[in-house]
Amino acid sequence: MAALGLLWAALLLPLSVSGLPTEEPTSGETAASSSPGHCRRCCDSEDPAVLADAAHVSSASPSTLPYVLPEVRPYINITILKGDKGDRGLLGSPGKLGREGPRGDRGPQGIKGAKGQAGSPGSPCQTRFSAFSVGRKTALHSSEGFQPLLFDTVFVNPDGHFDLAAGHFVAPLRGLYFFSLNVHSWNFKETYVHVVHNDKAAVILYAQPSDRSIMQSQSVMLALAPGDRVWARLFKRERENAVYSDDIDTYITFSGHLIKPEDD
């Protein structure tokens, strides 16, 4: 305890020597300290009025003075925190295909484009039609077996598809054709004529023997290939076979034409 008392005495000794007050001075003491013979600060004013005002202010109670809290405004410098721009990242994988959206409205009609260049010349046009019509002004009697029916008068044969010398029509292209044969029978004689496709009879024109002559006709539609032949012939049976005509009128006619090409 004696050592502790010595320590406190050593700490308090400077204060007692320097004469520092342990309590706040009163106004009288403040005024007394400002009088001659007392200590003062070198920065204090020597004006008595200023000294009096200072003494009056210091005499006021500290609890009566307002205390204003300082306003704190935080400030962050963004330029310090923001770093440099990084490098571009790698391209990611494509995403899933989205749903198909609704169909949009039809847009306005565009302007008319410029006229295009003329195309190259095409191949020559193929024949798309065929027709003939021929007649005979001479009567004909059959003799042995089959006898071709030849013609001596041409009504229509624009492309020469009917061979007048052979009595044959030659098909120029594949398609459907129509043919018609008209003859005049002879009194008391049989009339028996075939319309032949190549070498096979397609249809028969027939009239029985009679005491009067009549006009007989036959028609047929055939599907022909290019080069097929169509013609007429007489056939002799047990009775005499004949067709009638004269030099004035044409009683025997044979006609045909293309109805529809196959590639149409």
Protein backbone atom coordinates (compact mmCIF):
# COMPACT_ATOMS: atom_id res chain seq x y z
CA MET A 1 0.00 0.00 0.00
CA ALA A 2 2.86 2.36 0.76
CA ALA A 3 4.23 1.76 -2.76
CA LEU A 4 0.82 2.46 -4.36
CA GLY A 5 0.54 5.71 -2.45
CA LEU A 6 3.94 6.81 -3.68
CA LEU A 7 2.85 6.11 -7.28
CA TRP A 8 -0.25 8.28 -7.02
CA ALA A 9 1.76 11.01 -5.43
CA ALA A 10 4.16 10.98 -8.36
CA LEU A 11 1.27 11.28 -10.85
CA LEU A 12 -0.54 14.13 -9.04
CA LEU A 13 2.54 16.18 -8.27
CA PRO A 14 2.82 17.84 -11.71
CA LEU A 15 -0.80 18.94 -11.62
CA SER A 16 -0.45 20.60 -8.28
CA VAL A 17 2.69 22.36 -9.42
CA SER A 18 1.25 23.70 -12.73
CA GLY A 19 -1.80 25.18 -10.96
CA LEU A 20 -4.41 23.75 -13.37
CA PRO A 21 -7.93 24.14 -12.00
CA THR A 22 -9.89 20.99 -11.27
CA GLU A 23 -13.25 22.74 -11.82
CA GLU A 24 -14.65 25.14 -14.42
CA PRO A 25 -13.79 28.74 -13.56
CA THR A 26 -16.58 31.11 -12.73
CA SER A 27 -17.17 34.38 -14.46
CA GLY A 28 -15.37 36.19 -11.66
CA GLU A 29 -12.41 33.94 -11.95
CA THR A 30 -12.37 34.40 -15.71
CA ALA A 31 -12.38 38.11 -15.30
CA ALA A 32 -9.71 37.85 -12.65
CA SER A 33 -7.56 35.70 -14.89
CA SER A 34 -7.76 38.33 -17.58
CA SER A 35 -6.59 41.05 -15.19
CA PRO A 36 -2.97 42.04 -15.04
CA GLY A 37 -0.83 39.70 -13.16
CA HIS A 38 -2.63 36.61 -14.37
CA CYS A 39 -1.69 34.22 -17.18
CA ARG A 40 -3.43 34.44 -20.61
CA ARG A 41 -2.99 33.04 -24.04
CA CYS A 42 -1.02 34.90 -26.56
CA CYS A 43 -3.92 34.65 -29.05
CA ASP A 44 -6.42 36.31 -26.71
CA SER A 45 -7.60 39.80 -27.69
CA GLU A 46 -6.44 42.71 -25.60
CA ASP A 47 -9.68 44.62 -26.19
CA PRO A 48 -11.61 44.85 -22.85
CA ALA A 49 -14.96 44.59 -24.63
CA VAL A 50 -13.93 41.43 -26.41
CA LEU A 51 -12.61 40.02 -23.18
CA ALA A 52 -15.91 40.79 -21.47
CA ASP A 53 -17.92 39.10 -24.22
CA ALA A 54 -15.71 36.08 -24.03
CA ALA A 55 -16.20 35.92 -20.32
CA HIS A 56 -19.94 36.19 -20.70
CA VAL A 57 -20.05 33.39 -23.28
CA SER A 58 -17.84 31.16 -21.17
CA SER A 59 -20.09 31.73 -18.17
CA ALA A 60 -23.05 30.21 -19.94
CA SER A 61 -23.92 26.60 -19.07
CA PRO A 62 -22.64 24.05 -21.61
CA SER A 63 -25.96 22.23 -21.45
CA THR A 64 -27.77 25.28 -22.86
CA LEU A 65 -25.67 25.38 -26.09
CA PRO A 66 -27.21 23.53 -29.10
CA TYR A 67 -25.28 20.58 -30.52
CA VAL A 68 -25.60 20.05 -34.24
CA LEU A 69 -24.79 16.62 -35.61
CA PRO A 70 -22.54 16.76 -38.65
CA GLU A 71 -24.19 15.62 -41.93
CA VAL A 72 -22.43 12.63 -43.37
CA ARG A 73 -22.77 12.14 -47.15
CA PRO A 74 -21.13 8.99 -48.42
CA TYR A 75 -19.44 9.29 -51.81
CA ILE A 76 -18.16 6.41 -53.84
CA ASN A 77 -15.94 7.06 -56.82
CA ILE A 78 -17.28 4.64 -59.44
CA THR A 79 -14.31 5.21 -61.72
CA ILE A 80 -12.10 3.65 -59.06
CA LEU A 81 -14.28 0.54 -58.69
CA LYS A 82 -14.96 0.01 -62.46
CA GLY A 83 -12.36 -2.14 -64.14
CA ASP A 84 -11.29 -2.36 -67.77
CA LYS A 85 -13.57 -3.96 -70.39
CA GLY A 86 -12.98 -7.68 -70.67
CA ASP A 87 -12.41 -9.73 -73.79
CA ARG A 88 -15.36 -11.06 -75.85
CA GLY A 89 -16.50 -14.46 -74.67
CA LEU A 90 -16.83 -17.58 -76.76
CA LEU A 91 -19.93 -18.05 -78.93
CA GLY A 92 -22.49 -20.19 -77.16
CA SER A 93 -24.23 -23.22 -78.64
CA PRO A 94 -27.43 -22.54 -80.64
CA GLY A 95 -30.62 -22.66 -78.67
CA LYS A 96 -33.65 -24.82 -79.37
CA LEU A 97 -35.89 -23.91 -82.27
CA GLY A 98 -38.80 -21.85 -81.09
CA ARG A 99 -42.44 -22.36 -81.92
CA GLU A 100 -43.63 -21.36 -85.35
CA GLY A 101 -45.40 -18.08 -85.21
CA PRO A 102 -48.77 -17.28 -86.76
CA ARG A 103 -48.91 -16.63 -90.46
CA GLY A 104 -48.52 -12.99 -91.26
CA ASP A 105 -50.74 -10.85 -93.39
CA ARG A 106 -50.26 -10.89 -97.10
CA GLY A 107 -47.94 -8.16 -98.20
CA PRO A 108 -48.67 -5.60 -100.87
CA GLN A 109 -48.18 -6.51 -104.49
CA GLY A 110 -44.72 -5.75 -105.74
CA ILE A 111 -43.90 -3.59 -108.67
CA LYS A 112 -43.84 -5.12 -112.12
CA GLY A 113 -40.43 -6.43 -113.05
CA ALA A 114 -38.49 -5.62 -116.14
CA LYS A 115 -39.19 -7.54 -119.33
CA GLY A 116 -37.00 -10.59 -119.66
CA GLN A 117 -34.86 -11.53 -122.61
CA ALA A 118 -36.29 -13.51 -125.47
CA GLY A 119 -35.71 -17.24 -125.20
CA SER A 120 -33.83 -19.36 -127.68
CA PRO A 121 -35.79 -20.66 -130.69
CA GLY A 122 -37.68 -23.85 -129.99
CA SER A 123 -37.67 -27.05 -131.97
CA PRO A 124 -39.89 -27.26 -135.06
CA CYS A 125 -43.54 -27.90 -134.24
CA GLN A 126 -44.77 -31.42 -134.76
CA THR A 127 -47.79 -32.14 -136.88
CA ARG A 128 -50.80 -32.04 -134.59
CA PHE A 129 -53.50 -32.81 -137.15
CA SER A 130 -54.16 -35.18 -140.02
CA ALA A 131 -57.13 -35.59 -142.36
CA PHE A 132 -58.10 -36.96 -145.74
CA SER A 133 -61.17 -37.60 -147.89
CA VAL A 134 -61.08 -39.45 -151.23
CA GLY A 135 -63.66 -40.84 -153.68
CA ARG A 136 -64.13 -43.29 -156.56
CA LYS A 137 -66.18 -42.74 -159.75
CA THR A 138 -65.67 -46.21 -161.20
CA ALA A 139 -67.61 -49.37 -160.34
CA LEU A 140 -65.63 -52.35 -159.07
CA HIS A 141 -66.29 -56.13 -159.27
CA SER A 142 -64.33 -58.50 -157.06
CA SER A 143 -62.58 -61.42 -158.66
CA GLU A 144 -60.24 -63.62 -156.66
CA GLY A 145 -60.09 -63.37 -152.91
CA PHE A 146 -59.40 -59.88 -151.57
CA GLN A 147 -59.19 -56.89 -153.92
CA PRO A 148 -57.96 -53.45 -152.71
CA LEU A 149 -60.43 -50.61 -153.18
CA LEU A 150 -58.53 -47.83 -154.92
CA PHE A 151 -59.68 -44.22 -155.33
CA ASP A 152 -59.36 -41.73 -158.18
CA THR A 153 -60.64 -38.50 -156.64
CA VAL A 154 -59.09 -36.43 -153.81
CA PHE A 155 -61.30 -34.10 -151.78
CA VAL A 156 -58.91 -33.42 -148.87
CA ASN A 157 -55.34 -34.60 -148.36
CA PRO A 158 -53.39 -31.53 -147.13
CA ASP A 159 -50.31 -33.35 -145.78
CA GLY A 160 -50.30 -36.28 -148.21
CA HIS A 161 -50.98 -38.81 -145.44
CA PHE A 162 -53.22 -40.80 -147.83
CA ASP A 163 -51.28 -42.72 -150.48
CA LEU A 164 -53.57 -42.54 -153.50
CA ALA A 165 -51.61 -45.09 -155.54
CA ALA A 166 -51.70 -47.77 -152.82
CA GLY A 167 -55.13 -46.73 -151.44
CA HIS A 168 -53.68 -46.56 -147.89
CA PHE A 169 -53.81 -43.93 -145.14
CA VAL A 170 -50.51 -43.83 -143.19
CA ALA A 171 -50.73 -42.47 -139.62
CA PRO A 172 -48.19 -39.64 -138.99
CA LEU A 173 -48.26 -39.90 -135.15
CA ARG A 174 -49.69 -41.95 -132.32
CA GLY A 175 -53.28 -41.19 -131.38
CA LEU A 176 -56.98 -41.79 -131.97
CA TYR A 177 -58.36 -41.62 -135.53
CA PHE A 178 -61.85 -41.75 -136.98
CA PHE A 179 -62.67 -43.39 -140.36
CA SER A 180 -65.82 -43.54 -142.47
CA LEU A 181 -66.54 -45.64 -145.62
CA ASN A 182 -69.58 -45.10 -147.89
CA VAL A 183 -70.48 -47.27 -150.91
CA HIS A 184 -73.40 -47.85 -153.29
CA SER A 185 -74.56 -51.44 -153.68
CA TRP A 186 -75.26 -53.07 -157.06
CA ASN A 187 -78.59 -54.59 -158.00
CA PHE A 188 -78.77 -58.34 -157.38
CA LYS A 189 -75.14 -58.40 -156.20
CA GLU A 190 -73.63 -58.81 -152.76
CA THR A 191 -71.65 -55.96 -151.17
CA TYR A 192 -68.96 -57.11 -148.78
CA VAL A 193 -66.16 -54.62 -147.92
CA HIS A 194 -63.58 -54.63 -145.10
CA VAL A 195 -61.97 -51.60 -143.40
CA VAL A 196 -58.47 -52.95 -142.70
CA HIS A 197 -55.95 -51.92 -140.01
CA ASN A 198 -52.56 -52.90 -141.39
CA ASP A 199 -53.34 -56.52 -142.50
CA LYS A 200 -56.30 -57.27 -140.22
CA ALA A 201 -59.96 -56.50 -140.94
CA ALA A 202 -61.28 -54.03 -138.35
CA VAL A 203 -64.95 -53.71 -139.44
CA ILE A 204 -67.20 -55.04 -142.27
CA LEU A 205 -69.61 -53.19 -144.53
CA TYR A 206 -72.22 -55.62 -145.87
CA ALA A 207 -75.36 -55.46 -148.01
CA GLN A 208 -77.39 -58.48 -149.18
CA PRO A 209 -78.30 -58.91 -152.86
CA SER A 210 -81.46 -56.98 -153.75
CA ASP A 211 -83.44 -55.89 -156.78
CA ARG A 212 -82.60 -52.29 -155.95
CA SER A 213 -79.35 -50.59 -155.04
CA ILE A 214 -78.84 -48.73 -151.73
CA MET A 215 -76.19 -46.58 -150.02
CA GLN A 216 -74.33 -48.38 -147.24
CA SER A 217 -71.90 -46.86 -144.70
CA GLN A 218 -69.58 -47.99 -141.96
CA SER A 219 -67.45 -46.02 -139.47
CA VAL A 220 -64.84 -46.89 -136.86
CA MET A 221 -62.41 -45.25 -134.42
CA LEU A 222 -58.91 -46.76 -134.21
CA ALA A 223 -55.85 -46.19 -132.04
CA LEU A 224 -52.89 -45.96 -134.40
CA ALA A 225 -49.15 -45.80 -134.02
CA PRO A 226 -46.91 -43.85 -136.40
CA GLY A 227 -46.69 -45.74 -139.70
CA ASP A 228 -49.89 -47.79 -139.22
CA ARG A 229 -51.96 -48.24 -142.42
CA VAL A 230 -55.75 -48.13 -142.85
CA TRP A 231 -57.39 -49.12 -146.18
CA ALA A 232 -60.44 -50.82 -147.72
CA ARG A 233 -60.80 -54.10 -149.69
CA LEU A 234 -63.52 -56.21 -151.37
CA PHE A 235 -64.15 -59.82 -150.36
CA LYS A 236 -65.63 -62.41 -152.72
CA ARG A 237 -67.85 -65.05 -151.25
CA GLU A 238 -70.07 -67.58 -153.02
CA ARG A 239 -71.97 -64.78 -154.75
CA GLU A 240 -70.52 -62.03 -156.88
CA ASN A 241 -69.29 -59.03 -154.85
CA ALA A 242 -69.42 -55.50 -156.36
CA VAL A 243 -69.83 -51.75 -155.60
CA TYR A 244 -71.50 -49.32 -157.99
CA SER A 245 -70.41 -45.88 -159.27
CA ASP A 246 -70.32 -43.93 -162.57
CA ASP A 247 -68.30 -41.22 -164.28
CA ILE A 248 -70.79 -38.46 -163.40
CA ASP A 249 -71.38 -38.87 -159.67
CA THR A 250 -69.15 -40.07 -156.84
CA TYR A 251 -70.88 -42.89 -154.93
CA ILE A 252 -67.87 -44.32 -153.10
CA THR A 253 -66.01 -42.23 -150.47
CA PHE A 254 -63.40 -42.97 -147.80
CA SER A 255 -62.52 -40.35 -145.14
CA GLY A 256 -60.57 -40.15 -141.90
CA HIS A 257 -58.98 -37.68 -139.46
CA LEU A 258 -57.01 -37.46 -136.23
CA ILE A 259 -59.15 -36.94 -133.14
CA LYS A 260 -56.56 -36.73 -130.34
CA PRO A 261 -52.80 -37.24 -130.25
CA GLU A 262 -51.66 -39.56 -127.47
CA ASP A 263 -49.38 -37.00 -125.76
CA ASP A 264 -52.10 -34.34 -125.34
